[in-house]
């Protein structure tokens, strides 16, 4: 019996690398009869309207960075923009099979938040309740943005993420916060 018979199912997962320079897209598709046809990755960063198109490596993890997306001027990897990324995989005859997902990239904001938590000295139970609560609001907005992405509500996710960014910016501008 031919192992290429069955239902074609495109699927991928966006893996959190924790590295602000990298997005990982891992393929979990059942390509079957379209295994030998080309597949493409359409990546739209938060501040762009047009997708960047790359060849999609099937049955593999595709690493995206500023160099291979053409977002860098030099030869060094740069941080990829925080915000909501739209990622699509297209395959099959004329790209007729499509799966699309949104990804909330928040690595740079998380790194800033991590630095503040460490500076606060929470591990020694020495903290200012007001500062802690302020930081917890930021964490809450980030969690709400992630939840909205998982639920498919991109406008709400953008709203919560913007609130988290604004709160973090306000905190960084505060001279007496820590």
N, C-alpha and C. Protein backbone atom coordinates (compact mmCIF):
# COMPACT_ATOMS: atom_id res chain seq x y z
N UNK A 1 0.84 -1.18 0.00
CA UNK A 1 0.00 0.00 0.00
C UNK A 1 0.88 1.24 0.00
N UNK A 2 0.51 2.25 -0.77
CA UNK A 2 1.27 3.49 -0.90
C UNK A 2 1.15 4.32 0.38
N UNK A 3 2.30 4.70 0.94
CA UNK A 3 2.29 5.48 2.18
C UNK A 3 1.96 6.95 1.94
N UNK A 4 1.83 7.37 0.66
CA UNK A 4 1.50 8.76 0.35
C UNK A 4 0.01 8.99 0.19
N UNK A 5 -0.78 7.97 0.47
CA UNK A 5 -2.23 8.12 0.35
C UNK A 5 -2.80 8.49 1.71
N UNK A 6 -3.73 9.39 1.72
CA UNK A 6 -4.35 9.84 2.95
C UNK A 6 -4.68 11.32 2.86
N UNK A 7 -4.97 11.91 3.98
CA UNK A 7 -5.34 13.32 4.02
C UNK A 7 -4.12 14.19 4.28
N UNK A 8 -3.90 15.13 3.39
CA UNK A 8 -2.80 16.09 3.54
C UNK A 8 -3.18 17.04 4.67
N UNK A 9 -2.23 17.28 5.57
CA UNK A 9 -2.49 18.17 6.69
C UNK A 9 -1.25 19.02 6.93
N UNK A 10 -1.36 20.33 6.62
CA UNK A 10 -0.26 21.23 6.90
C UNK A 10 -0.38 21.72 8.34
N UNK A 11 0.73 21.70 9.04
CA UNK A 11 0.75 22.15 10.43
C UNK A 11 2.17 22.55 10.79
N UNK A 12 2.28 23.59 11.57
CA UNK A 12 3.58 24.01 12.08
C UNK A 12 3.38 24.63 13.45
N UNK A 13 4.45 24.68 14.20
CA UNK A 13 4.44 25.33 15.51
C UNK A 13 5.56 26.36 15.53
N UNK A 14 5.29 27.46 16.21
CA UNK A 14 6.29 28.50 16.38
C UNK A 14 6.85 28.32 17.78
N UNK A 15 8.12 27.99 17.85
CA UNK A 15 8.76 27.66 19.12
C UNK A 15 9.41 28.90 19.72
N UNK A 16 9.23 29.09 20.99
CA UNK A 16 9.82 30.22 21.70
C UNK A 16 11.29 29.92 21.96
N UNK A 17 12.17 30.68 21.30
CA UNK A 17 13.61 30.44 21.46
C UNK A 17 14.18 31.19 22.66
N UNK A 18 13.51 32.27 23.10
CA UNK A 18 14.06 33.10 24.16
C UNK A 18 15.17 34.01 23.67
N UNK A 19 15.53 33.88 22.41
CA UNK A 19 16.58 34.69 21.79
C UNK A 19 15.90 35.75 20.93
N UNK A 20 16.09 37.04 21.24
CA UNK A 20 15.40 38.08 20.48
C UNK A 20 15.82 38.16 19.01
N UNK A 21 16.85 37.41 18.64
CA UNK A 21 17.33 37.44 17.26
C UNK A 21 16.74 36.33 16.40
N UNK A 22 15.97 35.40 17.01
CA UNK A 22 15.56 34.19 16.30
C UNK A 22 14.10 33.85 16.54
N UNK A 23 13.43 33.39 15.47
CA UNK A 23 12.11 32.77 15.57
C UNK A 23 12.25 31.39 14.95
N UNK A 24 11.73 30.38 15.62
CA UNK A 24 11.82 29.01 15.14
C UNK A 24 10.44 28.52 14.69
N UNK A 25 10.37 28.01 13.46
CA UNK A 25 9.13 27.49 12.91
C UNK A 25 9.36 26.02 12.58
N UNK A 26 8.69 25.15 13.31
CA UNK A 26 8.91 23.72 13.18
C UNK A 26 7.73 23.05 12.45
N UNK A 27 8.04 22.25 11.46
CA UNK A 27 7.04 21.61 10.61
C UNK A 27 6.53 20.31 11.24
N UNK A 28 5.20 20.18 11.32
CA UNK A 28 4.55 18.96 11.80
C UNK A 28 3.50 18.49 10.80
N UNK A 29 3.75 18.78 9.52
CA UNK A 29 2.77 18.50 8.47
C UNK A 29 2.79 17.04 8.03
N UNK A 30 1.66 16.63 7.45
CA UNK A 30 1.55 15.36 6.74
C UNK A 30 1.47 15.75 5.26
N UNK A 31 2.60 15.72 4.57
CA UNK A 31 2.67 16.22 3.20
C UNK A 31 2.13 15.22 2.19
N UNK A 32 2.37 13.95 2.43
CA UNK A 32 1.90 12.85 1.57
C UNK A 32 2.21 13.10 0.10
N UNK A 33 1.20 13.17 -0.77
CA UNK A 33 1.44 13.25 -2.22
C UNK A 33 2.04 14.58 -2.66
N UNK A 34 2.06 15.58 -1.80
CA UNK A 34 2.68 16.86 -2.17
C UNK A 34 4.07 17.01 -1.55
N UNK A 35 4.61 15.93 -1.04
CA UNK A 35 5.94 15.93 -0.40
C UNK A 35 7.01 16.50 -1.32
N UNK A 36 6.94 16.19 -2.61
CA UNK A 36 7.98 16.62 -3.54
C UNK A 36 7.70 17.98 -4.18
N UNK A 37 6.58 18.58 -3.85
CA UNK A 37 6.27 19.92 -4.37
C UNK A 37 6.87 20.97 -3.44
N UNK A 38 7.18 22.14 -3.97
CA UNK A 38 7.76 23.17 -3.11
C UNK A 38 6.77 23.70 -2.09
N UNK A 39 7.32 24.20 -0.99
CA UNK A 39 6.52 24.86 0.05
C UNK A 39 7.22 26.16 0.41
N UNK A 40 6.42 27.14 0.79
CA UNK A 40 6.96 28.47 1.08
C UNK A 40 6.44 28.97 2.42
N UNK A 41 7.28 29.78 3.04
CA UNK A 41 6.96 30.42 4.31
C UNK A 41 6.75 31.90 4.01
N UNK A 42 5.61 32.42 4.44
CA UNK A 42 5.29 33.84 4.28
C UNK A 42 5.33 34.46 5.67
N UNK A 43 6.27 35.37 5.88
CA UNK A 43 6.50 35.95 7.20
C UNK A 43 6.26 37.46 7.13
N UNK A 44 5.30 37.94 7.94
CA UNK A 44 5.02 39.37 7.99
C UNK A 44 5.34 39.90 9.39
N UNK A 45 6.44 40.66 9.51
CA UNK A 45 6.77 41.26 10.80
C UNK A 45 5.72 42.31 11.20
N UNK A 46 5.69 42.69 12.48
CA UNK A 46 4.67 43.62 12.98
C UNK A 46 4.59 44.95 12.25
N UNK A 47 5.71 45.49 11.82
CA UNK A 47 5.69 46.82 11.21
C UNK A 47 5.65 46.79 9.68
N UNK A 48 5.42 45.62 9.12
CA UNK A 48 5.38 45.50 7.66
C UNK A 48 4.00 45.03 7.21
N UNK A 49 3.64 45.39 5.99
CA UNK A 49 2.38 44.94 5.42
C UNK A 49 2.59 43.80 4.44
N UNK A 50 3.73 43.80 3.74
CA UNK A 50 4.04 42.76 2.77
C UNK A 50 4.82 41.63 3.45
N UNK A 51 4.46 40.42 3.08
CA UNK A 51 5.15 39.25 3.63
C UNK A 51 6.51 39.07 2.97
N UNK A 52 7.44 38.56 3.76
CA UNK A 52 8.74 38.13 3.26
C UNK A 52 8.57 36.65 2.93
N UNK A 53 8.94 36.24 1.72
CA UNK A 53 8.73 34.86 1.28
C UNK A 53 10.06 34.13 1.27
N UNK A 54 10.05 32.96 1.88
CA UNK A 54 11.24 32.09 1.93
C UNK A 54 10.82 30.66 1.61
N UNK A 55 11.76 29.87 1.14
CA UNK A 55 11.48 28.45 0.94
C UNK A 55 11.29 27.83 2.32
N UNK A 56 10.27 26.98 2.45
CA UNK A 56 10.00 26.31 3.72
C UNK A 56 10.60 24.91 3.67
N UNK A 57 11.45 24.62 4.63
CA UNK A 57 12.07 23.30 4.73
C UNK A 57 11.12 22.36 5.44
N UNK A 58 10.63 21.37 4.71
CA UNK A 58 9.66 20.42 5.24
C UNK A 58 10.32 19.47 6.24
N UNK A 59 9.52 19.02 7.21
CA UNK A 59 9.97 18.06 8.22
C UNK A 59 11.22 18.54 8.95
N UNK A 60 11.29 19.84 9.20
CA UNK A 60 12.46 20.42 9.84
C UNK A 60 12.04 21.64 10.65
N UNK A 61 12.99 22.18 11.40
CA UNK A 61 12.78 23.44 12.08
C UNK A 61 13.46 24.53 11.27
N UNK A 62 12.68 25.52 10.89
CA UNK A 62 13.17 26.64 10.08
C UNK A 62 13.51 27.79 11.01
N UNK A 63 14.75 28.20 11.03
CA UNK A 63 15.18 29.32 11.86
C UNK A 63 15.10 30.62 11.09
N UNK A 64 14.41 31.58 11.65
CA UNK A 64 14.28 32.89 11.02
C UNK A 64 15.10 33.90 11.80
N UNK A 65 15.83 34.74 11.09
CA UNK A 65 16.61 35.78 11.73
C UNK A 65 16.69 36.99 10.80
N UNK A 66 17.30 38.05 11.28
CA UNK A 66 17.34 39.30 10.51
C UNK A 66 18.10 39.15 9.19
N UNK A 67 19.06 38.25 9.15
CA UNK A 67 19.84 38.06 7.92
C UNK A 67 19.03 37.31 6.86
N UNK A 68 18.47 36.15 7.22
CA UNK A 68 17.76 35.38 6.20
C UNK A 68 16.39 35.94 5.86
N UNK A 69 15.91 36.91 6.65
CA UNK A 69 14.67 37.61 6.30
C UNK A 69 14.96 38.92 5.56
N UNK A 70 16.24 39.25 5.43
CA UNK A 70 16.62 40.48 4.73
C UNK A 70 16.30 41.74 5.52
N UNK A 71 16.32 41.64 6.84
CA UNK A 71 15.99 42.77 7.70
C UNK A 71 17.22 43.45 8.28
N UNK A 72 18.42 42.93 7.97
CA UNK A 72 19.67 43.51 8.48
C UNK A 72 20.40 44.23 7.37
N UNK A 73 21.09 45.27 7.76
CA UNK A 73 21.92 45.99 6.79
C UNK A 73 23.33 45.38 6.73
N UNK A 74 23.81 44.92 7.86
CA UNK A 74 25.17 44.40 7.93
C UNK A 74 25.20 42.89 7.88
N UNK A 75 26.25 42.34 8.49
CA UNK A 75 26.44 40.90 8.51
C UNK A 75 26.17 40.30 9.87
N UNK A 76 25.80 41.13 10.84
CA UNK A 76 25.51 40.67 12.19
C UNK A 76 24.01 40.44 12.36
N UNK A 77 23.67 39.43 13.17
CA UNK A 77 22.27 39.22 13.51
C UNK A 77 21.77 40.38 14.36
N UNK A 78 20.60 40.86 14.05
CA UNK A 78 19.97 41.91 14.84
C UNK A 78 18.72 41.35 15.50
N UNK A 79 18.28 42.00 16.57
CA UNK A 79 17.05 41.56 17.22
C UNK A 79 15.88 41.72 16.27
N UNK A 80 15.00 40.74 16.28
CA UNK A 80 13.76 40.83 15.51
C UNK A 80 12.75 41.61 16.34
N UNK A 81 11.95 42.35 15.67
CA UNK A 81 10.99 43.25 16.31
C UNK A 81 9.98 42.50 17.18
N UNK A 82 9.77 43.00 18.38
CA UNK A 82 8.70 42.48 19.23
C UNK A 82 7.36 42.90 18.64
N UNK A 83 6.36 42.09 18.87
CA UNK A 83 5.01 42.38 18.38
C UNK A 83 4.40 41.14 17.77
N UNK A 84 3.33 41.33 17.02
CA UNK A 84 2.59 40.20 16.46
C UNK A 84 3.05 39.94 15.03
N UNK A 85 3.57 38.74 14.83
CA UNK A 85 4.05 38.29 13.53
C UNK A 85 3.00 37.38 12.91
N UNK A 86 2.80 37.53 11.61
CA UNK A 86 1.92 36.65 10.86
C UNK A 86 2.80 35.69 10.07
N UNK A 87 2.53 34.40 10.24
CA UNK A 87 3.35 33.39 9.57
C UNK A 87 2.42 32.40 8.87
N UNK A 88 2.67 32.17 7.58
CA UNK A 88 1.88 31.24 6.78
C UNK A 88 2.81 30.24 6.11
N UNK A 89 2.33 29.02 5.97
CA UNK A 89 3.00 28.02 5.16
C UNK A 89 2.06 27.69 4.01
N UNK A 90 2.63 27.72 2.81
CA UNK A 90 1.85 27.38 1.60
C UNK A 90 2.57 26.26 0.88
N UNK A 91 1.81 25.28 0.44
CA UNK A 91 2.40 24.17 -0.29
C UNK A 91 1.39 23.57 -1.26
N UNK A 92 1.85 22.60 -2.02
CA UNK A 92 0.99 21.94 -2.98
C UNK A 92 0.98 22.67 -4.31
N UNK A 93 0.18 22.17 -5.23
CA UNK A 93 0.07 22.75 -6.56
C UNK A 93 -0.38 24.20 -6.46
N UNK A 94 0.43 25.13 -7.00
CA UNK A 94 0.15 26.56 -6.97
C UNK A 94 -0.07 27.11 -5.56
N UNK A 95 0.49 26.46 -4.55
CA UNK A 95 0.37 26.93 -3.17
C UNK A 95 -1.05 26.90 -2.65
N UNK A 96 -1.84 25.94 -3.14
CA UNK A 96 -3.26 25.89 -2.78
C UNK A 96 -3.53 25.49 -1.33
N UNK A 97 -2.58 24.83 -0.72
CA UNK A 97 -2.74 24.44 0.69
C UNK A 97 -2.07 25.50 1.55
N UNK A 98 -2.81 26.03 2.52
CA UNK A 98 -2.29 27.14 3.35
C UNK A 98 -2.67 26.91 4.80
N UNK A 99 -1.73 27.18 5.67
CA UNK A 99 -2.02 27.25 7.11
C UNK A 99 -1.38 28.54 7.62
N UNK A 100 -2.11 29.25 8.46
CA UNK A 100 -1.67 30.56 8.94
C UNK A 100 -1.76 30.62 10.46
N UNK A 101 -0.75 31.25 11.07
CA UNK A 101 -0.75 31.44 12.52
C UNK A 101 -0.17 32.81 12.85
N UNK A 102 -0.51 33.27 14.03
CA UNK A 102 0.05 34.51 14.55
C UNK A 102 0.94 34.17 15.73
N UNK A 103 2.00 34.95 15.88
CA UNK A 103 2.97 34.72 16.94
C UNK A 103 3.27 36.03 17.65
N UNK A 104 3.11 36.04 18.95
CA UNK A 104 3.47 37.21 19.75
C UNK A 104 4.92 37.06 20.18
N UNK A 105 5.77 37.85 19.55
CA UNK A 105 7.18 37.85 19.90
C UNK A 105 7.39 38.94 20.94
N UNK A 106 7.89 38.55 22.09
CA UNK A 106 8.02 39.49 23.21
C UNK A 106 9.37 39.36 23.92
N UNK A 107 10.37 38.88 23.20
CA UNK A 107 11.67 38.60 23.81
C UNK A 107 12.36 39.84 24.37
N UNK A 108 12.38 40.93 23.61
CA UNK A 108 13.08 42.14 24.09
C UNK A 108 12.39 42.71 25.33
N UNK A 109 11.08 42.75 25.31
CA UNK A 109 10.33 43.25 26.47
C UNK A 109 10.55 42.34 27.68
N UNK A 110 10.58 41.03 27.44
CA UNK A 110 10.80 40.09 28.53
C UNK A 110 12.19 40.26 29.14
N UNK A 111 13.19 40.49 28.30
CA UNK A 111 14.55 40.71 28.79
C UNK A 111 14.61 41.96 29.67
N UNK A 112 13.95 43.03 29.24
CA UNK A 112 13.90 44.25 30.05
C UNK A 112 13.22 43.98 31.39
N UNK A 113 12.13 43.26 31.34
CA UNK A 113 11.39 42.92 32.56
C UNK A 113 12.25 42.05 33.49
N UNK A 114 12.95 41.08 32.91
CA UNK A 114 13.84 40.22 33.70
C UNK A 114 14.90 41.03 34.44
N UNK A 115 15.49 42.00 33.74
CA UNK A 115 16.52 42.83 34.35
C UNK A 115 15.97 43.60 35.55
N UNK A 116 14.76 44.10 35.41
CA UNK A 116 14.15 44.86 36.52
C UNK A 116 13.87 43.94 37.70
N UNK A 117 13.33 42.74 37.42
CA UNK A 117 13.06 41.80 38.52
C UNK A 117 14.35 41.46 39.27
N UNK A 118 15.42 41.20 38.51
CA UNK A 118 16.70 40.85 39.14
C UNK A 118 17.24 42.04 39.94
N UNK A 119 17.16 43.23 39.36
CA UNK A 119 17.63 44.42 40.07
C UNK A 119 16.83 44.68 41.33
N UNK A 120 15.56 44.34 41.29
CA UNK A 120 14.69 44.54 42.45
C UNK A 120 15.12 43.67 43.63
N UNK A 121 15.78 42.56 43.33
CA UNK A 121 16.26 41.70 44.40
C UNK A 121 15.17 40.85 45.02
N UNK A 122 14.21 40.46 44.22
CA UNK A 122 13.07 39.69 44.73
C UNK A 122 13.51 38.39 45.40
N UNK A 123 14.65 37.84 44.95
CA UNK A 123 15.10 36.57 45.53
C UNK A 123 15.48 36.70 47.01
N UNK A 124 15.73 37.92 47.47
CA UNK A 124 16.08 38.12 48.88
C UNK A 124 14.90 38.67 49.68
N UNK A 125 13.73 38.68 49.04
CA UNK A 125 12.51 39.16 49.69
C UNK A 125 12.64 40.61 50.14
N UNK A 126 13.44 41.38 49.41
CA UNK A 126 13.58 42.81 49.68
C UNK A 126 12.99 43.51 48.47
N UNK A 127 11.78 44.01 48.62
CA UNK A 127 11.17 44.68 47.48
C UNK A 127 10.16 45.72 47.94
N UNK A 128 9.91 46.60 47.05
CA UNK A 128 8.93 47.65 47.24
C UNK A 128 7.62 47.14 46.66
N UNK A 129 6.58 47.07 47.47
CA UNK A 129 5.29 46.53 47.03
C UNK A 129 4.75 47.26 45.80
N UNK A 130 4.89 48.58 45.75
CA UNK A 130 4.38 49.35 44.61
C UNK A 130 5.09 48.98 43.32
N UNK A 131 6.41 48.84 43.39
CA UNK A 131 7.19 48.47 42.21
C UNK A 131 6.81 47.06 41.78
N UNK A 132 6.73 46.16 42.73
CA UNK A 132 6.34 44.78 42.41
C UNK A 132 4.98 44.74 41.73
N UNK A 133 4.01 45.45 42.28
CA UNK A 133 2.67 45.45 41.70
C UNK A 133 2.67 46.05 40.30
N UNK A 134 3.47 47.08 40.10
CA UNK A 134 3.57 47.71 38.78
C UNK A 134 4.11 46.70 37.77
N UNK A 135 5.16 45.99 38.17
CA UNK A 135 5.74 44.97 37.29
C UNK A 135 4.76 43.83 37.02
N UNK A 136 3.97 43.48 38.03
CA UNK A 136 2.97 42.43 37.84
C UNK A 136 1.88 42.84 36.86
N UNK A 137 1.57 44.14 36.81
CA UNK A 137 0.64 44.62 35.78
C UNK A 137 1.21 44.36 34.39
N UNK A 138 2.50 44.63 34.21
CA UNK A 138 3.14 44.39 32.91
C UNK A 138 3.07 42.91 32.57
N UNK A 139 3.41 42.07 33.54
CA UNK A 139 3.33 40.62 33.33
C UNK A 139 1.91 40.21 32.97
N UNK A 140 0.93 40.78 33.66
CA UNK A 140 -0.47 40.48 33.37
C UNK A 140 -0.88 40.87 31.96
N UNK A 141 -0.43 42.04 31.50
CA UNK A 141 -0.75 42.48 30.14
C UNK A 141 -0.10 41.55 29.11
N UNK A 142 1.13 41.11 29.39
CA UNK A 142 1.79 40.16 28.48
C UNK A 142 1.04 38.84 28.42
N UNK A 143 0.61 38.36 29.59
CA UNK A 143 -0.16 37.10 29.61
C UNK A 143 -1.48 37.26 28.87
N UNK A 144 -2.15 38.41 29.04
CA UNK A 144 -3.42 38.66 28.35
C UNK A 144 -3.19 38.71 26.84
N UNK A 145 -2.10 39.33 26.40
CA UNK A 145 -1.78 39.37 24.97
C UNK A 145 -1.55 37.98 24.42
N UNK A 146 -0.80 37.16 25.17
CA UNK A 146 -0.56 35.77 24.74
C UNK A 146 -1.85 34.98 24.68
N UNK A 147 -2.72 35.17 25.66
CA UNK A 147 -4.02 34.47 25.68
C UNK A 147 -4.86 34.87 24.48
N UNK A 148 -4.85 36.16 24.15
CA UNK A 148 -5.64 36.62 23.00
C UNK A 148 -5.11 36.03 21.70
N UNK A 149 -3.80 35.91 21.56
CA UNK A 149 -3.23 35.28 20.36
C UNK A 149 -3.69 33.83 20.29
N UNK A 150 -3.63 33.12 21.43
CA UNK A 150 -4.07 31.71 21.42
C UNK A 150 -5.54 31.58 21.06
N UNK A 151 -6.34 32.59 21.42
CA UNK A 151 -7.77 32.58 21.11
C UNK A 151 -8.05 33.13 19.70
N UNK A 152 -7.04 33.66 19.04
CA UNK A 152 -7.21 34.16 17.68
C UNK A 152 -7.69 35.59 17.58
N UNK A 153 -7.68 36.34 18.67
CA UNK A 153 -8.13 37.73 18.64
C UNK A 153 -6.91 38.64 18.54
N UNK A 154 -6.44 38.84 17.32
CA UNK A 154 -5.23 39.62 17.07
C UNK A 154 -5.37 41.08 17.50
N UNK A 155 -6.48 41.78 17.20
CA UNK A 155 -6.59 43.18 17.65
C UNK A 155 -6.49 43.32 19.17
N UNK A 156 -7.13 42.44 19.91
CA UNK A 156 -7.05 42.50 21.38
C UNK A 156 -5.62 42.20 21.85
N UNK A 157 -4.97 41.24 21.20
CA UNK A 157 -3.59 40.90 21.56
C UNK A 157 -2.70 42.11 21.36
N UNK A 158 -2.87 42.82 20.23
CA UNK A 158 -2.08 44.03 19.97
C UNK A 158 -2.32 45.07 21.05
N UNK A 159 -3.57 45.20 21.45
CA UNK A 159 -3.94 46.19 22.47
C UNK A 159 -3.24 45.89 23.81
N UNK A 160 -3.31 44.63 24.26
CA UNK A 160 -2.68 44.26 25.52
C UNK A 160 -1.16 44.37 25.44
N UNK A 161 -0.59 43.99 24.30
CA UNK A 161 0.86 44.07 24.16
C UNK A 161 1.31 45.52 24.20
N UNK A 162 0.57 46.41 23.55
CA UNK A 162 0.89 47.84 23.56
C UNK A 162 0.82 48.39 24.98
N UNK A 163 -0.17 47.95 25.75
CA UNK A 163 -0.27 48.37 27.16
C UNK A 163 0.98 47.93 27.93
N UNK A 164 1.42 46.70 27.71
CA UNK A 164 2.62 46.20 28.40
C UNK A 164 3.85 47.02 27.99
N UNK A 165 3.98 47.30 26.70
CA UNK A 165 5.11 48.10 26.23
C UNK A 165 5.08 49.50 26.83
N UNK A 166 3.92 50.12 26.84
CA UNK A 166 3.79 51.48 27.38
C UNK A 166 4.11 51.52 28.86
N UNK A 167 3.63 50.52 29.61
CA UNK A 167 3.92 50.46 31.05
C UNK A 167 5.42 50.29 31.29
N UNK A 168 6.07 49.45 30.46
CA UNK A 168 7.50 49.23 30.62
C UNK A 168 8.28 50.50 30.29
N UNK A 169 7.88 51.20 29.25
CA UNK A 169 8.53 52.47 28.89
C UNK A 169 8.38 53.49 30.02
N UNK A 170 7.19 53.59 30.57
CA UNK A 170 6.95 54.51 31.68
C UNK A 170 7.82 54.15 32.88
N UNK A 171 7.95 52.85 33.13
CA UNK A 171 8.77 52.40 34.25
C UNK A 171 10.24 52.77 34.02
N UNK A 172 10.73 52.55 32.81
CA UNK A 172 12.13 52.86 32.51
C UNK A 172 12.42 54.35 32.62
N UNK A 173 11.44 55.19 32.35
CA UNK A 173 11.62 56.63 32.44
C UNK A 173 11.53 57.14 33.89
N UNK A 174 11.01 56.33 34.77
CA UNK A 174 10.86 56.71 36.18
C UNK A 174 12.24 56.65 36.85
N UNK A 175 12.67 57.75 37.41
CA UNK A 175 14.02 57.83 38.02
C UNK A 175 14.07 57.24 39.43
N UNK A 176 12.96 57.22 40.14
CA UNK A 176 12.96 56.74 41.54
C UNK A 176 12.22 55.43 41.71
N UNK A 177 12.12 54.65 40.65
CA UNK A 177 11.31 53.41 40.74
C UNK A 177 12.05 52.29 41.47
N UNK A 178 13.35 52.23 41.32
CA UNK A 178 14.12 51.23 42.06
C UNK A 178 15.33 51.91 42.64
